[in-house]
Amino acid sequence: MRTLNKFIGTELVTVSELGDIISNGLVKPFQSFVVTDAQDGKILLFANDGGNIDPQAVNQTTGEWGTYDVGTDVFTAQGGDNTVAIQAVIVGDFNATIGDVEYGIPIPFPFYLTTYRVYAQDAPSGGTTILDLKKNGVSVTSSGAEISSGNNFSTTPPVITTNTFAADDIAMPSFTSVASTPGKRYTITLIGYKL
């Protein structure tokens, strides 16, 4: 059985390794995986808040949204080729602090944001860390994604109030609250689709 590598926010796994992780109950809430040897391409999967793999997936090879069955290694495309996930490292080897992160994320095409997820390699502790998201300096949420104490992955999803981004808009992650031990090495994944 494979030992999970906590160095990055998204685990790179084979079909067999993911099967072992699932069967041994090692999937954590909001965790993400890329199945690197799936027969239909590299498949991006997410776990829900109960730690179960969501059947909805993104084929990173083709850009298609659909469903993926781990047991049969079959991806079924649904809804065309417009669904995407944009991932960026937003905090390096230093503690997260309240305010905007150092670098924004240029959006490369017209984009509709459905949600975002946050991962901290070094989990925060001693309170809740909240990450807001701004578009060109203005918040797009009524409440940001929350990481509760001791967790690596966001435990409460954001409430999105502004979904649309134009090409070359800047998505700026911004911490509105940090735990007493803030955590390090944060990654954000923006999930949505091309317009």
C-alpha atoms as a PDB file:
ATOM      1  CA  MET A   1       0.000   0.000   0.000  1.00  0.00           C
ATOM      2  CA  ARG A   2       1.221   3.504  -0.847  1.00  0.00           C
ATOM      3  CA  THR A   3       1.994   6.031   1.887  1.00  0.00           C
ATOM      4  CA  LEU A   4       0.426   9.401   1.123  1.00  0.00           C
ATOM      5  CA  ASN A   5       2.908  12.138   0.307  1.00  0.00           C
ATOM      6  CA  LYS A   6       1.887  15.341   2.094  1.00  0.00           C
ATOM      7  CA  PHE A   7       4.382  17.539   0.239  1.00  0.00           C
ATOM      8  CA  ILE A   8       1.789  18.820  -2.231  1.00  0.00           C
ATOM      9  CA  GLY A   9      -1.931  19.478  -2.121  1.00  0.00           C
ATOM     10  CA  THR A  10      -2.887  17.046  -4.858  1.00  0.00           C
ATOM     11  CA  GLU A  11      -1.733  13.432  -4.630  1.00  0.00           C
ATOM     12  CA  LEU A  12      -0.385  11.827  -7.801  1.00  0.00           C
ATOM     13  CA  VAL A  13      -1.500   8.188  -7.738  1.00  0.00           C
ATOM     14  CA  THR A  14      -1.945   5.192  -9.995  1.00  0.00           C
ATOM     15  CA  VAL A  15      -5.300   3.461 -10.371  1.00  0.00           C
ATOM     16  CA  SER A  16      -4.064   0.640  -8.127  1.00  0.00           C
ATOM     17  CA  GLU A  17      -2.734   3.022  -5.466  1.00  0.00           C
ATOM     18  CA  LEU A  18      -5.986   4.961  -5.342  1.00  0.00           C
ATOM     19  CA  GLY A  19      -7.913   1.712  -4.968  1.00  0.00           C
ATOM     20  CA  ASP A  20      -5.724   0.817  -1.965  1.00  0.00           C
ATOM     21  CA  ILE A  21      -6.164   4.284  -0.429  1.00  0.00           C
ATOM     22  CA  ILE A  22      -9.952   4.035  -0.739  1.00  0.00           C
ATOM     23  CA  SER A  23     -10.205   0.454   0.522  1.00  0.00           C
ATOM     24  CA  ASN A  24      -8.079   1.295   3.571  1.00  0.00           C
ATOM     25  CA  GLY A  25     -10.151   4.379   4.449  1.00  0.00           C
ATOM     26  CA  LEU A  26      -7.281   6.834   4.010  1.00  0.00           C
ATOM     27  CA  VAL A  27      -9.134   9.471   1.972  1.00  0.00           C
ATOM     28  CA  LYS A  28      -9.454  12.761   3.866  1.00  0.00           C
ATOM     29  CA  PRO A  29     -12.271  15.307   3.406  1.00  0.00           C
ATOM     30  CA  PHE A  30     -11.687  17.687   0.471  1.00  0.00           C
ATOM     31  CA  GLN A  31      -8.512  15.858  -0.580  1.00  0.00           C
ATOM     32  CA  SER A  32      -7.714  15.765  -4.304  1.00  0.00           C
ATOM     33  CA  PHE A  33      -5.984  13.179  -6.471  1.00  0.00           C
ATOM     34  CA  VAL A  34      -4.681  12.931 -10.017  1.00  0.00           C
ATOM     35  CA  VAL A  35      -4.813   9.379 -11.396  1.00  0.00           C
ATOM     36  CA  THR A  36      -1.740   9.389 -13.631  1.00  0.00           C
ATOM     37  CA  ASP A  37      -2.194   6.070 -15.442  1.00  0.00           C
ATOM     38  CA  ALA A  38      -5.963   6.032 -16.084  1.00  0.00           C
ATOM     39  CA  GLN A  39      -6.728   4.574 -19.503  1.00  0.00           C
ATOM     40  CA  ASP A  40      -8.571   7.704 -20.676  1.00  0.00           C
ATOM     41  CA  GLY A  41      -6.023  10.314 -19.532  1.00  0.00           C
ATOM     42  CA  LYS A  42      -4.945  12.002 -16.294  1.00  0.00           C
ATOM     43  CA  ILE A  43      -8.045  12.196 -14.097  1.00  0.00           C
ATOM     44  CA  LEU A  44      -8.507  14.846 -11.359  1.00  0.00           C
ATOM     45  CA  LEU A  45     -10.749  13.681  -8.505  1.00  0.00           C
ATOM     46  CA  PHE A  46     -11.921  15.307  -5.286  1.00  0.00           C
ATOM     47  CA  ALA A  47     -13.153  13.915  -1.980  1.00  0.00           C
ATOM     48  CA  ASN A  48     -16.307  15.347  -0.419  1.00  0.00           C
ATOM     49  CA  ASP A  49     -16.658  16.551   3.169  1.00  0.00           C
ATOM     50  CA  GLY A  50     -17.248  12.963   4.312  1.00  0.00           C
ATOM     51  CA  GLY A  51     -13.954  11.711   2.912  1.00  0.00           C
ATOM     52  CA  ASN A  52     -15.556   9.866  -0.003  1.00  0.00           C
ATOM     53  CA  ILE A  53     -14.369  10.228  -3.601  1.00  0.00           C
ATOM     54  CA  ASP A  54     -16.836  12.245  -5.672  1.00  0.00           C
ATOM     55  CA  PRO A  55     -17.596  10.421  -8.940  1.00  0.00           C
ATOM     56  CA  GLN A  56     -17.499  13.745 -10.794  1.00  0.00           C
ATOM     57  CA  ALA A  57     -14.038  14.351 -12.223  1.00  0.00           C
ATOM     58  CA  VAL A  58     -11.971  16.380 -14.683  1.00  0.00           C
ATOM     59  CA  ASN A  59      -9.955  14.699 -17.417  1.00  0.00           C
ATOM     60  CA  GLN A  60      -6.818  16.867 -17.383  1.00  0.00           C
ATOM     61  CA  THR A  61      -5.608  15.363 -20.660  1.00  0.00           C
ATOM     62  CA  THR A  62      -8.693  16.396 -22.664  1.00  0.00           C
ATOM     63  CA  GLY A  63     -10.123  19.168 -20.418  1.00  0.00           C
ATOM     64  CA  GLU A  64     -13.476  17.356 -20.225  1.00  0.00           C
ATOM     65  CA  TRP A  65     -15.794  17.202 -17.213  1.00  0.00           C
ATOM     66  CA  GLY A  66     -17.436  13.869 -16.438  1.00  0.00           C
ATOM     67  CA  THR A  67     -17.491  10.905 -14.074  1.00  0.00           C
ATOM     68  CA  TYR A  68     -14.777   8.405 -13.240  1.00  0.00           C
ATOM     69  CA  ASP A  69     -15.223   4.880 -11.867  1.00  0.00           C
ATOM     70  CA  VAL A  70     -12.096   3.850  -9.952  1.00  0.00           C
ATOM     71  CA  GLY A  71     -13.068   0.161  -9.932  1.00  0.00           C
ATOM     72  CA  THR A  72     -13.382  -0.123 -13.709  1.00  0.00           C
ATOM     73  CA  ASP A  73     -10.934   2.685 -14.640  1.00  0.00           C
ATOM     74  CA  VAL A  74     -13.520   4.263 -16.957  1.00  0.00           C
ATOM     75  CA  PHE A  75     -13.986   8.014 -17.515  1.00  0.00           C
ATOM     76  CA  THR A  76     -17.307   9.110 -19.030  1.00  0.00           C
ATOM     77  CA  ALA A  77     -17.322  12.639 -20.438  1.00  0.00           C
ATOM     78  CA  GLN A  78     -20.310  14.850 -19.650  1.00  0.00           C
ATOM     79  CA  GLY A  79     -20.959  18.417 -20.701  1.00  0.00           C
ATOM     80  CA  GLY A  80     -18.181  19.029 -23.192  1.00  0.00           C
ATOM     81  CA  ASP A  81     -14.688  20.360 -22.691  1.00  0.00           C
ATOM     82  CA  ASN A  82     -15.152  23.562 -20.698  1.00  0.00           C
ATOM     83  CA  THR A  83     -14.620  22.464 -17.071  1.00  0.00           C
ATOM     84  CA  VAL A  84     -11.245  23.290 -15.563  1.00  0.00           C
ATOM     85  CA  ALA A  85      -9.331  23.410 -12.295  1.00  0.00           C
ATOM     86  CA  ILE A  86      -6.679  26.108 -11.815  1.00  0.00           C
ATOM     87  CA  GLN A  87      -4.163  25.387  -9.070  1.00  0.00           C
ATOM     88  CA  ALA A  88      -1.514  27.680  -7.598  1.00  0.00           C
ATOM     89  CA  VAL A  89       0.876  27.743  -4.631  1.00  0.00           C
ATOM     90  CA  ILE A  90      -0.004  30.868  -2.644  1.00  0.00           C
ATOM     91  CA  VAL A  91       2.185  30.638   0.494  1.00  0.00           C
ATOM     92  CA  GLY A  92       5.670  29.128   0.491  1.00  0.00           C
ATOM     93  CA  ASP A  93       7.999  28.197   3.343  1.00  0.00           C
ATOM     94  CA  PHE A  94       6.782  30.899   5.722  1.00  0.00           C
ATOM     95  CA  ASN A  95       3.740  31.431   7.940  1.00  0.00           C
ATOM     96  CA  ALA A  96       0.468  32.641   6.456  1.00  0.00           C
ATOM     97  CA  THR A  97      -0.469  36.162   7.560  1.00  0.00           C
ATOM     98  CA  ILE A  98      -3.690  38.183   7.391  1.00  0.00           C
ATOM     99  CA  GLY A  99      -4.109  40.032   4.103  1.00  0.00           C
ATOM    100  CA  ASP A 100      -3.481  39.390   0.428  1.00  0.00           C
ATOM    101  CA  VAL A 101      -0.888  36.786  -0.502  1.00  0.00           C
ATOM    102  CA  GLU A 102       2.234  37.928  -2.342  1.00  0.00           C
ATOM    103  CA  TYR A 103       1.140  37.001  -5.865  1.00  0.00           C
ATOM    104  CA  GLY A 104      -2.231  36.972  -7.596  1.00  0.00           C
ATOM    105  CA  ILE A 105      -3.382  34.352 -10.103  1.00  0.00           C
ATOM    106  CA  PRO A 106      -3.945  35.631 -13.671  1.00  0.00           C
ATOM    107  CA  ILE A 107      -7.031  33.962 -15.134  1.00  0.00           C
ATOM    108  CA  PRO A 108      -6.099  32.844 -18.684  1.00  0.00           C
ATOM    109  CA  PHE A 109      -9.616  32.771 -20.204  1.00  0.00           C
ATOM    110  CA  PRO A 110     -13.210  33.783 -19.412  1.00  0.00           C
ATOM    111  CA  PHE A 111     -14.009  31.639 -16.380  1.00  0.00           C
ATOM    112  CA  TYR A 112     -17.005  30.796 -14.174  1.00  0.00           C
ATOM    113  CA  LEU A 113     -15.934  29.964 -10.608  1.00  0.00           C
ATOM    114  CA  THR A 114     -18.074  27.368  -8.834  1.00  0.00           C
ATOM    115  CA  THR A 115     -15.891  26.877  -5.733  1.00  0.00           C
ATOM    116  CA  TYR A 116     -12.310  26.736  -4.507  1.00  0.00           C
ATOM    117  CA  ARG A 117     -10.433  24.459  -2.141  1.00  0.00           C
ATOM    118  CA  VAL A 118      -7.437  25.149   0.064  1.00  0.00           C
ATOM    119  CA  TYR A 119      -4.605  22.875   1.191  1.00  0.00           C
ATOM    120  CA  ALA A 120      -1.874  23.608   3.765  1.00  0.00           C
ATOM    121  CA  GLN A 121       1.055  21.192   3.820  1.00  0.00           C
ATOM    122  CA  ASP A 122       1.831  22.333   7.372  1.00  0.00           C
ATOM    123  CA  ALA A 123      -1.605  22.397   8.990  1.00  0.00           C
ATOM    124  CA  PRO A 124      -2.658  25.430  11.047  1.00  0.00           C
ATOM    125  CA  SER A 125      -3.521  24.940  14.718  1.00  0.00           C
ATOM    126  CA  GLY A 126      -4.998  26.940  17.556  1.00  0.00           C
ATOM    127  CA  GLY A 127      -7.924  28.403  15.684  1.00  0.00           C
ATOM    128  CA  THR A 128      -9.619  28.638  12.308  1.00  0.00           C
ATOM    129  CA  THR A 129      -7.862  29.940   9.192  1.00  0.00           C
ATOM    130  CA  ILE A 130     -10.112  31.622   6.587  1.00  0.00           C
ATOM    131  CA  LEU A 131      -9.074  32.305   3.001  1.00  0.00           C
ATOM    132  CA  ASP A 132     -11.099  34.786   0.955  1.00  0.00           C
ATOM    133  CA  LEU A 133     -10.744  35.274  -2.805  1.00  0.00           C
ATOM    134  CA  LYS A 134     -10.792  38.622  -4.625  1.00  0.00           C
ATOM    135  CA  LYS A 135     -11.266  39.547  -8.278  1.00  0.00           C
ATOM    136  CA  ASN A 136      -9.216  42.605  -9.194  1.00  0.00           C
ATOM    137  CA  GLY A 137      -9.177  43.652  -5.548  1.00  0.00           C
ATOM    138  CA  VAL A 138     -12.860  43.004  -4.709  1.00  0.00           C
ATOM    139  CA  SER A 139     -14.022  39.972  -2.718  1.00  0.00           C
ATOM    140  CA  VAL A 140     -16.055  37.361  -4.617  1.00  0.00           C
ATOM    141  CA  THR A 141     -17.381  35.650  -1.463  1.00  0.00           C
ATOM    142  CA  SER A 142     -19.689  36.335   1.449  1.00  0.00           C
ATOM    143  CA  SER A 143     -17.591  33.892   3.491  1.00  0.00           C
ATOM    144  CA  GLY A 144     -14.230  32.374   2.643  1.00  0.00           C
ATOM    145  CA  ALA A 145     -12.999  28.786   2.754  1.00  0.00           C
ATOM    146  CA  GLU A 146     -12.175  27.671   6.297  1.00  0.00           C
ATOM    147  CA  ILE A 147      -9.482  25.309   7.555  1.00  0.00           C
ATOM    148  CA  SER A 148     -10.168  24.242  11.111  1.00  0.00           C
ATOM    149  CA  SER A 149      -7.354  23.603  13.571  1.00  0.00           C
ATOM    150  CA  GLY A 150      -5.223  20.570  12.788  1.00  0.00           C
ATOM    151  CA  ASN A 151      -6.552  20.056   9.254  1.00  0.00           C
ATOM    152  CA  ASN A 152      -4.552  20.196   6.026  1.00  0.00           C
ATOM    153  CA  PHE A 153      -7.596  20.700   3.769  1.00  0.00           C
ATOM    154  CA  SER A 154     -10.375  23.279   3.852  1.00  0.00           C
ATOM    155  CA  THR A 155     -13.169  21.962   6.063  1.00  0.00           C
ATOM    156  CA  THR A 156     -15.853  24.509   5.134  1.00  0.00           C
ATOM    157  CA  PRO A 157     -16.317  25.620   1.511  1.00  0.00           C
ATOM    158  CA  PRO A 158     -16.599  29.284   0.535  1.00  0.00           C
ATOM    159  CA  VAL A 159     -19.884  30.981  -0.326  1.00  0.00           C
ATOM    160  CA  ILE A 160     -19.324  32.472  -3.789  1.00  0.00           C
ATOM    161  CA  THR A 161     -21.236  35.676  -4.621  1.00  0.00           C
ATOM    162  CA  THR A 162     -19.433  36.699  -7.838  1.00  0.00           C
ATOM    163  CA  ASN A 163     -18.702  33.824 -10.186  1.00  0.00           C
ATOM    164  CA  THR A 164     -17.480  35.304 -13.465  1.00  0.00           C
ATOM    165  CA  PHE A 165     -13.903  36.232 -14.370  1.00  0.00           C
ATOM    166  CA  ALA A 166     -12.728  37.738 -17.656  1.00  0.00           C
ATOM    167  CA  ALA A 167      -9.465  36.763 -19.288  1.00  0.00           C
ATOM    168  CA  ASP A 168      -6.561  38.500 -17.490  1.00  0.00           C
ATOM    169  CA  ASP A 169      -8.595  39.242 -14.360  1.00  0.00           C
ATOM    170  CA  ILE A 170      -6.470  38.659 -11.270  1.00  0.00           C
ATOM    171  CA  ALA A 171      -7.729  36.218  -8.638  1.00  0.00           C
ATOM    172  CA  MET A 172      -6.113  37.241  -5.356  1.00  0.00           C
ATOM    173  CA  PRO A 173      -6.307  34.900  -2.351  1.00  0.00           C
ATOM    174  CA  SER A 174      -6.495  36.840   0.910  1.00  0.00           C
ATOM    175  CA  PHE A 175      -6.410  35.549   4.481  1.00  0.00           C
ATOM    176  CA  THR A 176      -9.071  37.169   6.665  1.00  0.00           C
ATOM    177  CA  SER A 177      -8.225  35.057   9.715  1.00  0.00           C
ATOM    178  CA  VAL A 178      -5.261  32.882  10.667  1.00  0.00           C
ATOM    179  CA  ALA A 179      -4.807  30.391  13.487  1.00  0.00           C
ATOM    180  CA  SER A 180      -2.318  31.107  16.276  1.00  0.00           C
ATOM    181  CA  THR A 181       0.010  28.673  14.473  1.00  0.00           C
ATOM    182  CA  PRO A 182      -0.885  29.793  10.940  1.00  0.00           C
ATOM    183  CA  GLY A 183       0.496  26.930   8.871  1.00  0.00           C
ATOM    184  CA  LYS A 184       2.692  27.026   5.770  1.00  0.00           C
ATOM    185  CA  ARG A 185       2.872  25.939   2.127  1.00  0.00           C
ATOM    186  CA  TYR A 186      -0.684  26.725   1.061  1.00  0.00           C
ATOM    187  CA  THR A 187      -2.193  25.722  -2.293  1.00  0.00           C
ATOM    188  CA  ILE A 188      -5.502  26.938  -3.727  1.00  0.00           C
ATOM    189  CA  THR A 189      -7.513  25.122  -6.413  1.00  0.00           C
ATOM    190  CA  LEU A 190     -10.081  27.194  -8.329  1.00  0.00           C
ATOM    191  CA  ILE A 191     -12.822  24.986  -9.770  1.00  0.00           C
ATOM    192  CA  GLY A 192     -15.200  26.042 -12.519  1.00  0.00           C
ATOM    193  CA  TYR A 193     -15.540  26.095 -16.266  1.00  0.00           C
ATOM    194  CA  LYS A 194     -14.593  28.108 -19.331  1.00  0.00           C
ATOM    195  CA  LEU A 195     -17.163  30.565 -20.633  1.00  0.00           C
END
